[in-house]
Protein backbone atom coordinates (compact mmCIF):
# COMPACT_ATOMS: atom_id res chain seq x y z
CA MET A 1 10.39 73.27 -227.30
CA LEU A 2 6.82 74.07 -226.29
CA VAL A 3 5.55 74.39 -222.73
CA VAL A 4 3.09 71.53 -223.31
CA ASP A 5 6.11 69.21 -223.60
CA LEU A 6 7.79 70.46 -220.42
CA MET A 7 5.03 71.33 -218.00
CA ASP A 8 3.98 69.41 -214.92
CA ARG A 9 0.44 68.16 -215.51
CA ASP A 10 -0.33 67.93 -211.79
CA LEU A 11 -3.54 69.91 -211.33
CA THR A 12 -2.94 70.81 -207.70
CA ALA A 13 -4.81 74.06 -207.13
CA VAL A 14 -6.92 75.78 -204.51
CA SER A 15 -10.18 77.69 -204.63
CA PRO A 16 -10.54 81.28 -203.40
CA ASP A 17 -12.39 80.07 -200.30
CA THR A 18 -9.65 77.63 -199.25
CA THR A 19 -8.20 78.67 -195.89
CA ILE A 20 -4.56 79.67 -195.52
CA ALA A 21 -4.07 76.68 -193.20
CA GLU A 22 -5.37 74.32 -195.90
CA ALA A 23 -3.19 76.03 -198.52
CA VAL A 24 -0.09 75.61 -196.35
CA GLU A 25 -0.91 71.93 -195.95
CA ILE A 26 -1.21 71.56 -199.73
CA LEU A 27 2.06 73.42 -200.38
CA ALA A 28 3.89 71.29 -197.82
CA GLY A 29 2.30 68.03 -198.95
CA HIS A 30 3.21 68.61 -202.59
CA ARG A 31 6.55 70.27 -201.80
CA ILE A 32 5.75 73.28 -203.95
CA SER A 33 6.31 76.98 -203.38
CA GLY A 34 3.05 78.23 -204.82
CA VAL A 35 -0.31 77.13 -206.12
CA PRO A 36 -2.80 78.45 -208.68
CA VAL A 37 -6.18 79.63 -207.45
CA VAL A 38 -8.96 78.51 -209.77
CA ASP A 39 -12.69 79.20 -210.03
CA ASP A 40 -15.41 76.56 -210.38
CA ASP A 41 -14.77 76.37 -214.14
CA GLY A 42 -11.04 75.71 -213.69
CA ARG A 43 -9.98 79.18 -214.82
CA VAL A 44 -6.96 80.68 -213.08
CA ILE A 45 -8.04 83.70 -211.05
CA GLY A 46 -5.04 84.04 -208.77
CA PHE A 47 -1.84 82.56 -207.41
CA LEU A 48 -0.77 82.04 -203.81
CA SER A 49 2.88 81.59 -202.92
CA GLU A 50 4.61 80.85 -199.65
CA LYS A 51 5.94 84.41 -199.81
CA ASP A 52 2.35 85.73 -199.91
CA ILE A 53 1.59 83.75 -196.76
CA VAL A 54 4.66 85.07 -194.93
CA LYS A 55 3.70 88.61 -195.97
CA ALA A 56 0.18 88.01 -194.64
CA ALA A 57 1.52 86.97 -191.25
CA LEU A 58 4.33 89.53 -191.08
CA PRO A 59 3.52 92.57 -193.20
CA GLY A 60 6.68 94.49 -193.97
CA TYR A 61 8.89 91.47 -193.18
CA PHE A 62 10.68 91.46 -196.53
CA ASP A 63 11.38 95.19 -196.26
CA LEU A 64 12.88 94.63 -192.81
CA LEU A 65 15.16 91.90 -194.15
CA GLN A 66 17.15 94.62 -195.91
CA ASP A 67 18.26 95.82 -192.47
CA SER A 68 20.93 93.46 -191.11
CA SER A 69 19.95 94.32 -187.54
CA PHE A 70 16.48 92.79 -188.00
CA LEU A 71 16.04 89.36 -186.45
CA PRO A 72 12.58 87.81 -186.87
CA ASP A 73 10.79 86.73 -183.71
CA TYR A 74 9.62 83.15 -184.25
CA GLY A 75 6.98 83.35 -181.52
CA GLN A 76 5.47 86.49 -183.02
CA PHE A 77 5.49 84.94 -186.49
CA ARG A 78 3.78 81.80 -185.18
CA LYS A 79 1.01 83.81 -183.49
CA ARG A 80 0.39 85.94 -186.55
CA LEU A 81 0.42 82.94 -188.87
CA GLN A 82 -2.13 81.21 -186.67
CA ARG A 83 -4.22 84.38 -186.76
CA VAL A 84 -4.34 84.47 -190.58
CA SER A 85 -4.63 80.69 -190.95
CA LEU A 86 -8.44 80.81 -191.02
CA ASP A 87 -8.54 83.64 -193.57
CA THR A 88 -9.31 82.63 -197.13
CA VAL A 89 -6.76 82.44 -199.92
CA GLU A 90 -8.69 85.12 -201.81
CA LYS A 91 -7.59 87.72 -199.26
CA TYR A 92 -3.86 87.23 -199.93
CA MET A 93 -3.56 85.73 -203.42
CA LYS A 94 -1.99 87.66 -206.26
CA LYS A 95 -4.75 88.55 -208.69
CA ASP A 96 -2.52 89.80 -211.49
CA VAL A 97 -1.22 86.37 -212.49
CA ILE A 98 1.22 85.54 -215.24
CA VAL A 99 -0.24 82.57 -217.07
CA PHE A 100 1.32 80.66 -219.95
CA GLU A 101 -0.38 78.89 -222.84
CA GLU A 102 0.60 75.34 -223.73
CA GLN A 103 1.92 76.57 -227.08
CA ASP A 104 4.33 79.13 -225.58
CA THR A 105 8.00 78.40 -226.18
CA ASP A 106 10.52 77.39 -223.56
CA LEU A 107 12.60 80.50 -224.33
CA HIS A 108 9.62 82.81 -223.80
CA VAL A 109 8.71 81.12 -220.52
CA ALA A 110 12.31 81.14 -219.28
CA MET A 111 12.67 84.86 -220.00
CA VAL A 112 9.41 85.72 -218.21
CA LEU A 113 10.16 83.54 -215.18
CA ILE A 114 13.62 85.06 -214.85
CA THR A 115 12.68 88.69 -215.44
CA LYS A 116 9.62 88.49 -213.16
CA ASN A 117 11.51 86.44 -210.55
CA LEU A 118 8.91 83.66 -210.52
CA LYS A 119 9.57 80.10 -209.42
CA ARG A 120 6.47 78.62 -211.05
CA ALA A 121 3.44 79.69 -213.04
CA PRO A 122 0.18 78.16 -214.25
CA VAL A 123 -0.29 76.86 -217.78
CA VAL A 124 -3.71 76.93 -219.44
CA ARG A 125 -5.39 75.21 -222.36
CA ASP A 126 -8.32 77.16 -223.80
CA GLY A 127 -8.30 79.31 -220.66
CA VAL A 128 -8.57 76.34 -218.27
CA PHE A 129 -5.81 75.31 -215.84
CA ALA A 130 -3.80 72.48 -217.40
CA GLY A 131 -0.64 72.34 -215.28
CA THR A 132 2.34 74.36 -214.14
CA ILE A 133 5.77 75.23 -215.46
CA SER A 134 8.66 75.97 -213.15
CA ARG A 135 12.24 77.11 -213.39
CA THR A 136 13.20 73.60 -212.28
CA ASP A 137 11.28 72.08 -215.22
CA LEU A 138 13.24 74.31 -217.60
CA LEU A 139 16.60 73.62 -215.94
CA ASP A 140 15.94 69.87 -216.03
CA TYR A 141 15.04 70.06 -219.73
CA ILE A 142 18.19 72.06 -220.54
CA LEU A 143 20.45 69.63 -218.69
CA GLN A 144 18.75 66.55 -220.16
CA SER A 145 18.93 67.90 -223.71
CA ARG A 146 22.59 68.93 -223.67
CA GLU A 147 24.81 67.29 -226.20
CA LYS A 148 26.43 64.16 -224.92
CA PRO A 149 30.23 64.02 -225.29
CA SER A 150 31.45 61.92 -228.20
CA ASP A 151 33.60 58.88 -227.56
């Protein structure tokens, strides 16, 4: 199966000059964990995930989670998140983005998402953002396409 047949064609994306506050609103409103960052021509130039936003507000947070004695301070997190909320997405987005082509296979995409520990990734057509593919899209396809038991 090709990605073009499985991908979500929702073109929700942000620009590099979108604020973190606006990006959080978009993530929450669409119930997604990350969003492509596109230029004026619709080309993917980055990706911003909820993890990137947490890292922006609490640098070193994920390293500290390895220590069972670490308990995050909600008040401190809130203050720091408010502080970075007016920064632009460009400051925190990942610039080295894994992007899939519509003609990539489901197996290829599944292997990359799993090995790179990605929840979702942009899909392009002729270099322009065309949608996203997620682990959930692949899982749904696998479950829907399983052989039905015979009567």
